[in-house]
Amino acid sequence: MVKDAKARIQKGKIISFVPTGEYYFKKGLKAYHRRDFLKAKKYLDRALQLEPGEPMIACQLSIVSTELGEFENSNRLLHLILEELDPDLVECHYFLANNYAHLGFFKDAYHHAKLYLQLDEAGDFADDAEELLELLSFEYEEPEDELYQQDDLIVKHEQARDLLDSGYIPKAIELLKEVVEEYPEYWSAYNNLALAYFYLGQTEQAETILDEVLERNHGNIHALCNKMIFAHYQGHLKFAQQILESLQKIQPLLSEHQFKLGISYALVGEYGLAYYWLKKLYKNGYYGDGLFYYWLSYAAYFTGNENFARNIWKKVLEFNPDKEGNEPWNKELSPVDGFENQATSILQKLESDYIEERLFAIFLAAISSKKDEILTSKKLFQNQRFTSLEKEYISFIRSGRMSHTADAHEIAELFYQTHQPIGTVEAGLYLMWFTVFAALSEKGDMLKNKHAWAGAVEYVWHKLRGEKVSQQEIASRYEISAATIGKYVKCVKELLD
């Protein structure tokens, strides 16, 4: 028996099995029809790696990406097909129209739906495309004009969010106010406007906006999350805890809401809850940005998942190399989210339309670990926005040549002894100071008592943020009398008004 078996083995041929793109494509299709989209994506990804020029594989992968809510990835594949692989695969226009409609880019959705019908008016998706066009143009007399206008609002809001994330707070407020005026039920813009006012220290204005949102749009998750964050950072911990308990009862289905919950929990130090939502998104194939991976890494690290945190941090650096050194396991060595160590962000701030932001950027450059890189940058030499004040300040930073900008710099350094690293919240204090300094420079006033100016600005900043602090407390920190700080507080308020 054994002898026969050996004979069969010797006579038999070993056939190697090398899976092809078609093999994985078929497995992907089977998984797709079973609605196992994660497995379908895995197989189709492999199929496309083996046959990168096959448009049908790319198209099916884009459909699976749409099912997983990865609209950006789906669009990337569809554009690849139309631009490089097979321009005649006109169904891609219909799929693009669907994706853009989900993302809120109605102009693009309208364009691709219309183009699909022009190219294949009797196509398989013709009825669906007609229905989509009808939906997009519902109640519009001039649909394309209206859709372009709505798209412009979305783009403007995205620009405002980028400005806000980069610390361009006054410019962000300007744009967001335009958005809410033109589109009074665009709640995301209201929530970001509230954040902008909060960063500047105008907490009453921020709270008023959130209350208005919750009154007109009950249960708005973004507004509730922002209320929790505001309460936490103002030290109203009991109220923050009440909102936290309410939020824990919410089990959102939309990835946008899951993302907001995860980030908000991380911001108030609830890393266990943050990790639950952010990891859930990650497992479902969520295609995030640098912010998503940043907080996922932090949440992972502070819940004991260090290896995963380190792997995710690699993605953070792909989006933003300036974050190198800000790893959660390196927190003591390098500040988290400090604008002072982000060369790109500083150079962008130097291009701001607002003098207080340009002055703030020069201070950041002076204390930055990337100081030499910034001060020798072509962007700095070619900057057309600088007034004589910024030029004088840069000259002081480079050469140490004394001027009244040196006094302004010294006052900012007094803040930096306590308020570092400089994140978006802390930026409000520095922006307030450079606003006051710019106003003083216009009047030709000198900075005779630097500690008094620093104490007064910090006191006003705390009060505007709704934080409990006394003039005596701030006066003691800056080694001045309560009477002196009272006098300068009045000056600061007049200059800000």
Protein backbone atom coordinates (compact mmCIF):
# COMPACT_ATOMS: atom_id res chain seq x y z
CA MET A 1 0.00 0.00 0.00
CA VAL A 2 2.78 2.37 0.97
CA LYS A 3 4.79 1.27 -2.03
CA ASP A 4 1.88 2.08 -4.38
CA ALA A 5 1.46 5.49 -2.81
CA LYS A 6 5.14 6.31 -3.35
CA ALA A 7 4.87 5.21 -6.94
CA ARG A 8 1.91 7.49 -7.52
CA ILE A 9 3.79 10.43 -5.98
CA GLN A 10 6.82 9.81 -8.20
CA LYS A 11 4.69 9.57 -11.33
CA GLY A 12 2.51 12.58 -10.41
CA LYS A 13 3.25 16.09 -11.60
CA ILE A 14 3.34 19.10 -9.23
CA ILE A 15 1.34 21.91 -10.81
CA SER A 16 2.17 25.35 -9.36
CA PHE A 17 -0.80 27.61 -8.69
CA VAL A 18 -0.18 31.27 -9.53
CA PRO A 19 -3.35 33.31 -8.98
CA THR A 20 -4.09 35.83 -11.73
CA GLY A 21 -5.89 39.16 -11.71
CA GLU A 22 -8.95 37.41 -13.18
CA TYR A 23 -8.92 34.89 -10.30
CA TYR A 24 -9.00 37.64 -7.66
CA PHE A 25 -11.50 39.64 -9.71
CA LYS A 26 -13.95 36.72 -9.66
CA LYS A 27 -13.45 36.23 -5.93
CA GLY A 28 -14.03 39.95 -5.45
CA LEU A 29 -17.27 39.80 -7.44
CA LYS A 30 -18.53 36.87 -5.35
CA ALA A 31 -17.77 38.74 -2.13
CA TYR A 32 -19.47 41.85 -3.55
CA HIS A 33 -22.66 39.91 -4.35
CA ARG A 34 -22.60 38.55 -0.79
CA ARG A 35 -22.30 42.23 0.30
CA ASP A 36 -19.03 41.45 2.06
CA PHE A 37 -17.52 44.71 0.85
CA LEU A 38 -14.34 44.63 2.92
CA LYS A 39 -13.39 41.21 1.52
CA ALA A 40 -14.44 42.34 -1.97
CA LYS A 41 -12.14 45.34 -1.68
CA LYS A 42 -9.26 43.16 -0.53
CA TYR A 43 -9.60 40.80 -3.53
CA LEU A 44 -10.15 43.59 -6.07
CA ASP A 45 -7.17 45.55 -4.74
CA ARG A 46 -5.03 42.46 -5.36
CA ALA A 47 -6.55 41.97 -8.82
CA LEU A 48 -5.71 45.56 -9.77
CA GLN A 49 -2.15 45.13 -8.51
CA LEU A 50 -1.74 42.13 -10.83
CA GLU A 51 -3.49 43.80 -13.78
CA PRO A 52 -3.20 47.58 -13.27
CA GLY A 53 -4.34 48.40 -16.78
CA GLU A 54 -7.66 46.52 -16.63
CA PRO A 55 -10.52 49.10 -16.54
CA MET A 56 -13.23 46.62 -15.46
CA ILE A 57 -11.31 45.72 -12.31
CA ALA A 58 -10.76 49.40 -11.50
CA CYS A 59 -14.44 50.11 -12.14
CA GLN A 60 -15.65 47.31 -9.87
CA LEU A 61 -13.23 48.45 -7.15
CA SER A 62 -14.63 51.98 -7.42
CA ILE A 63 -18.17 50.60 -6.91
CA VAL A 64 -17.05 48.71 -3.80
CA SER A 65 -15.29 51.86 -2.52
CA THR A 66 -18.57 53.76 -2.91
CA GLU A 67 -20.40 51.09 -0.89
CA LEU A 68 -17.80 51.55 1.89
CA GLY A 69 -18.27 55.33 1.85
CA GLU A 70 -14.79 55.90 0.36
CA PHE A 71 -16.06 58.37 -2.22
CA GLU A 72 -12.71 60.10 -2.80
CA ASN A 73 -10.97 56.79 -3.58
CA SER A 74 -13.84 55.76 -5.84
CA ASN A 75 -13.61 59.06 -7.74
CA ARG A 76 -9.85 58.68 -8.12
CA LEU A 77 -10.34 55.28 -9.78
CA LEU A 78 -13.15 56.49 -12.03
CA HIS A 79 -11.11 59.46 -13.25
CA LEU A 80 -8.17 57.10 -13.85
CA ILE A 81 -10.39 54.94 -16.08
CA LEU A 82 -11.76 57.87 -18.09
CA GLU A 83 -8.44 59.67 -18.43
CA GLU A 84 -6.05 56.74 -18.99
CA LEU A 85 -7.52 53.23 -19.12
CA ASP A 86 -10.75 53.38 -21.17
CA PRO A 87 -12.40 56.73 -22.03
CA ASP A 88 -15.26 54.82 -23.70
CA LEU A 89 -16.41 53.29 -20.40
CA VAL A 90 -19.05 56.04 -20.10
CA GLU A 91 -20.83 54.38 -17.13
CA CYS A 92 -18.05 55.92 -15.06
CA HIS A 93 -19.69 59.31 -15.55
CA TYR A 94 -22.86 58.05 -13.89
CA PHE A 95 -20.89 56.57 -10.98
CA LEU A 96 -19.02 59.89 -10.60
CA ALA A 97 -22.33 61.77 -10.56
CA ASN A 98 -23.58 59.56 -7.73
CA ASN A 99 -20.38 60.02 -5.72
CA TYR A 100 -20.29 63.78 -6.13
CA ALA A 101 -23.94 64.01 -5.08
CA HIS A 102 -23.09 62.12 -1.86
CA LEU A 103 -20.14 64.43 -1.20
CA GLY A 104 -22.27 67.53 -1.71
CA PHE A 105 -20.51 68.69 -4.89
CA PHE A 106 -23.74 69.17 -6.80
CA LYS A 107 -22.24 71.05 -9.71
CA ASP A 108 -19.94 68.14 -10.55
CA ALA A 109 -22.75 65.64 -9.97
CA TYR A 110 -24.97 67.53 -12.40
CA HIS A 111 -22.17 67.77 -14.98
CA HIS A 112 -21.37 64.03 -15.00
CA ALA A 113 -25.01 62.90 -14.97
CA LYS A 114 -25.73 65.13 -17.96
CA LEU A 115 -22.56 64.00 -19.76
CA TYR A 116 -23.48 60.33 -19.26
CA LEU A 117 -26.88 60.88 -20.91
CA GLN A 118 -25.28 62.78 -23.80
CA LEU A 119 -22.82 59.94 -24.42
CA ASP A 120 -25.26 57.05 -23.94
CA GLU A 121 -28.88 58.21 -23.79
CA ALA A 122 -30.16 54.61 -23.90
CA GLY A 123 -27.57 53.25 -21.47
CA ASP A 124 -28.23 50.88 -18.57
CA PHE A 125 -28.25 53.77 -16.10
CA ALA A 126 -30.18 56.27 -18.23
CA ASP A 127 -33.31 56.19 -16.07
CA ASP A 128 -31.27 56.50 -12.90
CA ALA A 129 -29.30 59.42 -14.35
CA GLU A 130 -32.55 61.19 -15.35
CA GLU A 131 -33.87 60.70 -11.83
CA LEU A 132 -30.64 62.06 -10.34
CA LEU A 133 -30.77 65.13 -12.58
CA GLU A 134 -34.36 65.73 -11.56
CA LEU A 135 -33.37 65.46 -7.91
CA LEU A 136 -30.44 67.84 -8.34
CA SER A 137 -32.49 70.44 -10.15
CA PHE A 138 -35.53 70.11 -7.86
CA GLU A 139 -37.24 73.49 -7.33
CA TYR A 140 -34.52 75.32 -9.27
CA GLU A 141 -35.52 77.49 -12.22
CA GLU A 142 -31.91 77.68 -13.36
CA PRO A 143 -30.44 74.51 -11.91
CA GLU A 144 -26.87 74.83 -13.12
CA ASP A 145 -26.50 78.39 -11.79
CA GLU A 146 -27.94 77.38 -8.44
CA LEU A 147 -25.76 74.29 -8.21
CA TYR A 148 -22.65 76.31 -9.02
CA GLN A 149 -23.58 78.77 -6.28
CA GLN A 150 -24.11 75.98 -3.72
CA ASP A 151 -20.83 74.34 -4.71
CA ASP A 152 -19.03 77.66 -4.24
CA LEU A 153 -20.39 77.83 -0.70
CA ILE A 154 -19.05 74.35 0.07
CA VAL A 155 -15.64 75.24 -1.36
CA LYS A 156 -15.63 78.49 0.62
CA HIS A 157 -16.47 76.59 3.79
CA GLU A 158 -13.62 74.14 3.16
CA GLN A 159 -11.24 77.08 2.68
CA ALA A 160 -12.43 78.54 5.98
CA ARG A 161 -11.85 75.21 7.74
CA ASP A 162 -8.30 75.04 6.38
CA LEU A 163 -7.67 78.60 7.58
CA LEU A 164 -9.03 77.71 11.00
CA ASP A 165 -6.87 74.58 11.29
CA SER A 166 -3.80 76.62 10.30
CA GLY A 167 -4.46 79.36 12.84
CA TYR A 168 -5.72 82.05 10.41
CA ILE A 169 -8.60 82.82 12.73
CA PRO A 170 -9.70 86.35 11.64
CA LYS A 171 -9.70 85.36 7.97
CA ALA A 172 -11.61 82.16 8.78
CA ILE A 173 -14.27 84.16 10.66
CA GLU A 174 -14.64 86.52 7.70
CA LEU A 175 -15.28 83.62 5.30
CA LEU A 176 -17.58 81.70 7.66
CA LYS A 177 -19.75 84.75 8.25
CA GLU A 178 -20.19 85.04 4.48
CA VAL A 179 -21.21 81.37 4.28
CA VAL A 180 -23.85 81.48 7.05
CA GLU A 181 -25.25 84.72 5.64
CA GLU A 182 -25.64 83.19 2.17
CA TYR A 183 -26.72 79.76 3.39
CA PRO A 184 -28.53 80.15 6.74
CA GLU A 185 -29.04 76.41 7.35
CA TYR A 186 -25.49 75.25 6.65
CA TRP A 187 -24.88 74.03 10.21
CA SER A 188 -21.25 72.97 9.70
CA ALA A 189 -20.32 76.56 8.97
CA TYR A 190 -22.05 77.73 12.18
CA ASN A 191 -20.14 75.15 14.22
CA ASN A 192 -16.81 76.17 12.75
CA LEU A 193 -17.65 79.84 13.28
CA ALA A 194 -18.30 79.04 16.95
CA LEU A 195 -14.89 77.32 17.14
CA ALA A 196 -13.20 80.35 15.58
CA TYR A 197 -14.74 82.74 18.12
CA PHE A 198 -13.80 80.35 20.93
CA TYR A 199 -10.17 80.28 19.80
CA LEU A 200 -10.10 84.09 19.83
CA GLY A 201 -11.47 84.06 23.37
CA GLN A 202 -14.97 85.32 22.51
CA THR A 203 -16.70 82.48 24.32
CA GLU A 204 -20.06 84.20 24.80
CA GLN A 205 -20.33 84.72 21.04
CA ALA A 206 -19.28 81.08 20.47
CA GLU A 207 -21.87 79.74 22.94
CA THR A 208 -24.61 81.91 21.42
CA ILE A 209 -23.94 80.42 17.98
CA LEU A 210 -24.06 76.84 19.31
CA ASP A 211 -27.30 77.54 21.18
CA GLU A 212 -28.81 78.90 17.97
CA VAL A 213 -27.78 75.76 16.07
CA LEU A 214 -29.26 73.43 18.73
CA GLU A 215 -32.47 75.47 18.86
CA ARG A 216 -32.95 75.33 15.08
CA ASN A 217 -31.44 71.87 14.50
CA HIS A 218 -32.15 69.74 17.58
CA GLY A 219 -29.55 67.13 18.46
CA ASN A 220 -26.88 68.47 16.11
CA ILE A 221 -23.92 66.22 17.02
CA HIS A 222 -21.27 68.75 15.98
CA ALA A 223 -22.78 71.45 18.18
CA LEU A 224 -23.08 69.08 21.17
CA CYS A 225 -19.46 67.98 20.75
CA ASN A 226 -18.29 71.57 20.55
CA LYS A 227 -20.26 72.44 23.69
CA MET A 228 -18.48 69.59 25.51
CA ILE A 229 -15.07 70.76 24.25
CA PHE A 230 -15.74 74.39 25.23
CA ALA A 231 -16.89 73.37 28.71
CA HIS A 232 -13.84 71.13 29.17
CA TYR A 233 -11.33 73.81 28.22
CA GLN A 234 -13.02 76.42 30.38
CA GLY A 235 -12.82 74.14 33.40
CA HIS A 236 -16.58 73.53 33.59
CA LEU A 237 -15.92 69.84 34.05
CA LYS A 238 -19.27 68.91 35.58
CA PHE A 239 -21.16 70.35 32.62
CA ALA A 240 -18.70 68.72 30.19
CA GLN A 241 -19.32 65.37 31.88
CA GLN A 242 -23.11 65.78 31.52
CA ILE A 243 -22.75 66.36 27.76
CA LEU A 244 -20.29 63.45 27.54
CA GLU A 245 -22.84 61.12 29.11
CA SER A 246 -25.48 62.31 26.61
CA LEU A 247 -23.12 61.78 23.68
CA GLN A 248 -22.30 58.24 24.81
CA LYS A 249 -25.94 57.28 24.21
CA ILE A 250 -25.61 58.25 20.54
CA GLN A 251 -24.66 55.49 18.09
CA PRO A 252 -24.33 57.36 14.77
CA LEU A 253 -24.36 55.55 11.44
CA LEU A 254 -22.78 58.32 9.36
CA SER A 255 -18.98 58.23 9.20
CA GLU A 256 -18.92 62.04 9.49
CA HIS A 257 -20.60 61.84 12.92
CA GLN A 258 -18.43 58.94 14.05
CA PHE A 259 -15.36 60.99 13.07
CA LYS A 260 -16.58 64.04 15.02
CA LEU A 261 -17.29 61.96 18.12
CA GLY A 262 -13.88 60.28 17.98
CA ILE A 263 -11.95 63.54 17.60
CA SER A 264 -14.02 65.27 20.30
CA TYR A 265 -13.46 62.47 22.81
CA ALA A 266 -9.71 62.64 22.12
CA LEU A 267 -9.68 66.41 22.67
CA VAL A 268 -11.14 66.04 26.16
CA GLY A 269 -8.82 63.16 27.05
CA GLU A 270 -11.41 60.34 26.73
CA TYR A 271 -9.02 58.18 24.73
CA GLY A 272 -10.91 54.91 25.25
CA LEU A 273 -14.04 56.31 23.60
CA ALA A 274 -11.97 58.06 20.96
CA TYR A 275 -10.19 54.83 20.07
CA TYR A 276 -13.48 52.93 19.79
CA TRP A 277 -14.92 55.29 17.13
CA LEU A 278 -11.74 56.09 15.24
CA LYS A 279 -10.64 52.44 15.07
CA LYS A 280 -14.16 51.48 13.92
CA LEU A 281 -13.83 53.93 11.04
CA TYR A 282 -10.35 52.64 10.23
CA LYS A 283 -11.53 49.01 10.15
CA ASN A 284 -14.38 49.99 7.82
CA GLY A 285 -11.87 51.37 5.33
CA TYR A 286 -12.39 55.06 6.15
CA TYR A 287 -10.06 57.18 4.04
CA GLY A 288 -9.04 59.89 6.49
CA ASP A 289 -6.79 62.92 6.42
CA GLY A 290 -3.83 63.81 8.61
CA LEU A 291 -6.09 64.88 11.48
CA PHE A 292 -7.85 61.51 11.53
CA TYR A 293 -4.61 59.52 11.69
CA TYR A 294 -3.10 61.94 14.20
CA TRP A 295 -5.82 61.39 16.80
CA LEU A 296 -6.14 57.68 15.97
CA SER A 297 -2.45 57.32 16.78
CA TYR A 298 -2.83 59.26 20.04
CA ALA A 299 -5.94 57.33 21.07
CA ALA A 300 -4.21 54.03 20.28
CA TYR A 301 -1.09 54.96 22.24
CA PHE A 302 -2.96 56.08 25.35
CA THR A 303 -5.09 52.93 25.36
CA GLY A 304 -2.03 50.68 25.33
CA ASN A 305 -1.94 49.88 21.59
CA GLU A 306 1.56 51.23 21.00
CA ASN A 307 2.54 49.15 17.96
CA PHE A 308 -0.63 50.16 16.13
CA ALA A 309 -0.06 53.80 17.16
CA ARG A 310 3.44 53.73 15.69
CA ASN A 311 2.21 52.26 12.40
CA ILE A 312 -0.53 54.88 12.11
CA TRP A 313 1.93 57.67 12.88
CA LYS A 314 3.68 56.86 9.58
CA LYS A 315 0.49 57.95 7.82
CA VAL A 316 0.44 61.19 9.84
CA LEU A 317 3.89 62.06 8.51
CA GLU A 318 2.78 61.30 4.93
CA PHE A 319 0.13 64.01 5.25
CA ASN A 320 2.18 66.43 7.34
CA PRO A 321 5.95 65.91 7.70
CA ASP A 322 6.05 68.90 10.09
CA LYS A 323 4.47 66.65 12.75
CA GLU A 324 7.74 64.75 13.12
CA GLY A 325 8.74 64.96 16.77
CA ASN A 326 5.12 65.34 17.95
CA GLU A 327 4.58 61.60 18.48
CA PRO A 328 2.45 60.72 21.52
CA TRP A 329 5.32 58.66 22.97
CA ASN A 330 7.62 61.67 22.54
CA LYS A 331 5.32 64.21 24.17
CA GLU A 332 7.82 65.45 26.75
CA LEU A 333 10.51 66.06 24.15
CA SER A 334 8.47 67.93 21.59
CA PRO A 335 5.20 69.85 22.03
CA VAL A 336 2.01 68.54 20.50
CA ASP A 337 0.47 70.66 17.76
CA GLY A 338 2.81 73.60 18.35
CA PHE A 339 2.61 76.10 15.50
CA GLU A 340 6.13 77.19 16.43
CA ASN A 341 7.65 74.02 14.97
CA GLN A 342 5.65 73.96 11.73
CA ALA A 343 7.68 75.77 9.08
CA THR A 344 5.03 75.43 6.37
CA SER A 345 2.32 76.84 8.61
CA ILE A 346 4.53 79.80 9.64
CA LEU A 347 5.36 80.65 6.03
CA GLN A 348 1.65 80.55 5.18
CA LYS A 349 0.83 82.88 8.07
CA LEU A 350 3.42 85.34 6.79
CA GLU A 351 1.23 85.65 3.66
CA SER A 352 -1.88 86.58 5.67
CA ASP A 353 -3.98 89.63 4.83
CA TYR A 354 -3.92 90.60 8.53
CA ILE A 355 -0.96 92.39 10.10
CA GLU A 356 -1.50 90.74 13.51
CA GLU A 357 -1.14 87.29 11.92
CA ARG A 358 2.01 88.31 10.05
CA LEU A 359 3.55 89.69 13.28
CA PHE A 360 2.54 86.51 15.10
CA ALA A 361 4.20 84.43 12.35
CA ILE A 362 7.47 86.37 12.78
CA PHE A 363 7.40 85.64 16.52
CA LEU A 364 6.79 81.95 15.76
CA ALA A 365 9.73 81.97 13.37
CA ALA A 366 11.97 83.49 16.05
CA ILE A 367 11.24 80.71 18.58
CA SER A 368 10.97 77.91 16.01
CA SER A 369 13.36 74.97 15.75
CA LYS A 370 13.15 75.71 11.99
CA LYS A 371 14.15 79.37 12.38
CA ASP A 372 17.03 79.31 9.87
CA GLU A 373 14.94 77.52 7.25
CA ILE A 374 12.17 80.14 7.54
CA LEU A 375 14.42 83.22 7.64
CA THR A 376 16.29 82.13 4.50
CA SER A 377 13.15 81.16 2.59
CA LYS A 378 12.47 82.77 -0.80
CA LYS A 379 8.88 83.28 0.28
CA LEU A 380 10.06 85.60 3.03
CA PHE A 381 12.19 87.73 0.68
CA GLN A 382 9.46 87.91 -1.96
CA ASN A 383 6.63 88.78 0.45
CA GLN A 384 4.78 91.86 -0.85
CA ARG A 385 2.46 92.20 2.14
CA PHE A 386 5.04 93.33 4.68
CA THR A 387 4.73 96.86 6.02
CA SER A 388 7.65 98.72 7.59
CA LEU A 389 6.61 97.24 10.96
CA GLU A 390 7.09 93.60 9.88
CA LYS A 391 10.36 94.49 8.09
CA GLU A 392 11.63 96.13 11.26
CA TYR A 393 10.60 93.08 13.32
CA ILE A 394 12.39 90.68 10.93
CA SER A 395 15.48 92.86 11.06
CA PHE A 396 15.45 92.60 14.86
CA ILE A 397 15.07 88.80 14.73
CA ARG A 398 17.98 88.49 12.28
CA SER A 399 20.44 90.97 13.70
CA GLY A 400 19.25 91.86 17.18
CA ARG A 401 19.06 95.52 16.15
CA MET A 402 17.01 97.22 18.86
CA SER A 403 13.63 98.78 18.06
CA HIS A 404 10.17 98.95 19.61
CA THR A 405 9.41 95.59 17.93
CA ALA A 406 11.98 94.16 20.36
CA ASP A 407 9.68 95.23 23.23
CA ALA A 408 6.68 93.59 21.51
CA HIS A 409 8.73 90.42 21.05
CA GLU A 410 9.73 90.44 24.72
CA ILE A 411 6.08 90.64 25.77
CA ALA A 412 5.22 87.67 23.53
CA GLU A 413 8.12 85.79 25.17
CA LEU A 414 6.55 86.52 28.57
CA PHE A 415 3.42 84.70 27.37
CA TYR A 416 5.52 81.84 26.04
CA GLN A 417 6.88 81.12 29.50
CA THR A 418 3.39 79.91 30.46
CA HIS A 419 1.43 79.39 27.24
CA GLN A 420 3.26 76.77 25.20
CA PRO A 421 3.11 74.85 22.97
CA ILE A 422 1.15 77.29 20.83
CA GLY A 423 -1.90 75.48 19.48
CA THR A 424 -5.04 76.98 18.00
CA VAL A 425 -6.40 77.96 21.43
CA GLU A 426 -3.18 79.60 22.63
CA ALA A 427 -2.83 81.41 19.30
CA GLY A 428 -5.75 83.61 20.37
CA LEU A 429 -3.66 85.17 23.14
CA TYR A 430 -0.75 86.00 20.83
CA LEU A 431 -3.05 87.32 18.11
CA MET A 432 -4.72 89.55 20.67
CA TRP A 433 -1.35 90.92 21.75
CA PHE A 434 -0.14 91.64 18.20
CA THR A 435 -3.49 93.31 17.42
CA VAL A 436 -2.92 95.61 20.41
CA PHE A 437 0.71 96.19 19.38
CA ALA A 438 -0.25 97.09 15.79
CA ALA A 439 -2.80 99.59 17.09
CA LEU A 440 -0.22 101.10 19.48
CA SER A 441 2.30 101.40 16.63
CA GLU A 442 -0.22 103.30 14.51
CA LYS A 443 -0.64 105.77 17.35
CA GLY A 444 3.12 106.01 17.86
CA ASP A 445 2.88 104.92 21.52
CA MET A 446 5.84 103.29 23.24
CA LEU A 447 5.76 100.13 25.36
CA LYS A 448 7.05 101.52 28.64
CA ASN A 449 5.82 98.84 31.06
CA LYS A 450 6.09 95.48 29.33
CA HIS A 451 4.92 93.38 32.28
CA ALA A 452 1.82 95.57 32.66
CA TRP A 453 0.91 95.19 28.96
CA ALA A 454 1.46 91.41 29.13
CA GLY A 455 -0.63 91.05 32.29
CA ALA A 456 -3.46 93.20 30.94
CA VAL A 457 -3.68 91.35 27.61
CA GLU A 458 -3.63 87.96 29.32
CA TYR A 459 -6.33 89.04 31.78
CA VAL A 460 -8.62 90.29 28.98
CA TRP A 461 -8.00 87.07 27.02
CA HIS A 462 -8.98 84.90 30.00
CA LYS A 463 -12.11 86.97 30.67
CA LEU A 464 -13.21 86.81 27.04
CA ARG A 465 -12.83 83.03 27.23
CA GLY A 466 -15.15 83.00 30.25
CA GLU A 467 -12.39 81.74 32.56
CA LYS A 468 -12.38 82.62 36.24
CA VAL A 469 -9.30 84.71 36.94
CA SER A 470 -8.71 87.82 39.06
CA GLN A 471 -6.63 90.87 38.24
CA GLN A 472 -4.70 90.26 41.47
CA GLU A 473 -3.77 86.74 40.35
CA ILE A 474 -2.43 87.94 36.99
CA ALA A 475 -0.74 90.95 38.60
CA SER A 476 1.16 88.64 40.97
CA ARG A 477 2.33 86.47 38.07
CA TYR A 478 3.78 89.50 36.27
CA GLU A 479 5.04 91.17 39.45
CA ILE A 480 2.97 94.33 39.13
CA SER A 481 0.30 95.92 41.32
CA ALA A 482 -3.44 95.35 40.92
CA ALA A 483 -3.88 99.10 40.35
CA THR A 484 -1.38 99.03 37.46
CA ILE A 485 -2.98 96.06 35.74
CA GLY A 486 -6.41 97.69 36.11
CA LYS A 487 -5.16 100.79 34.33
CA TYR A 488 -3.66 98.79 31.46
CA VAL A 489 -6.70 96.53 31.13
CA LYS A 490 -8.72 99.63 30.32
CA CYS A 491 -6.17 100.60 27.62
CA VAL A 492 -6.25 97.11 26.09
CA LYS A 493 -10.05 97.11 25.88
CA GLU A 494 -10.05 100.54 24.22
CA LEU A 495 -7.49 99.44 21.64
CA LEU A 496 -9.39 96.21 20.86
CA ASP A 497 -12.65 98.12 20.51
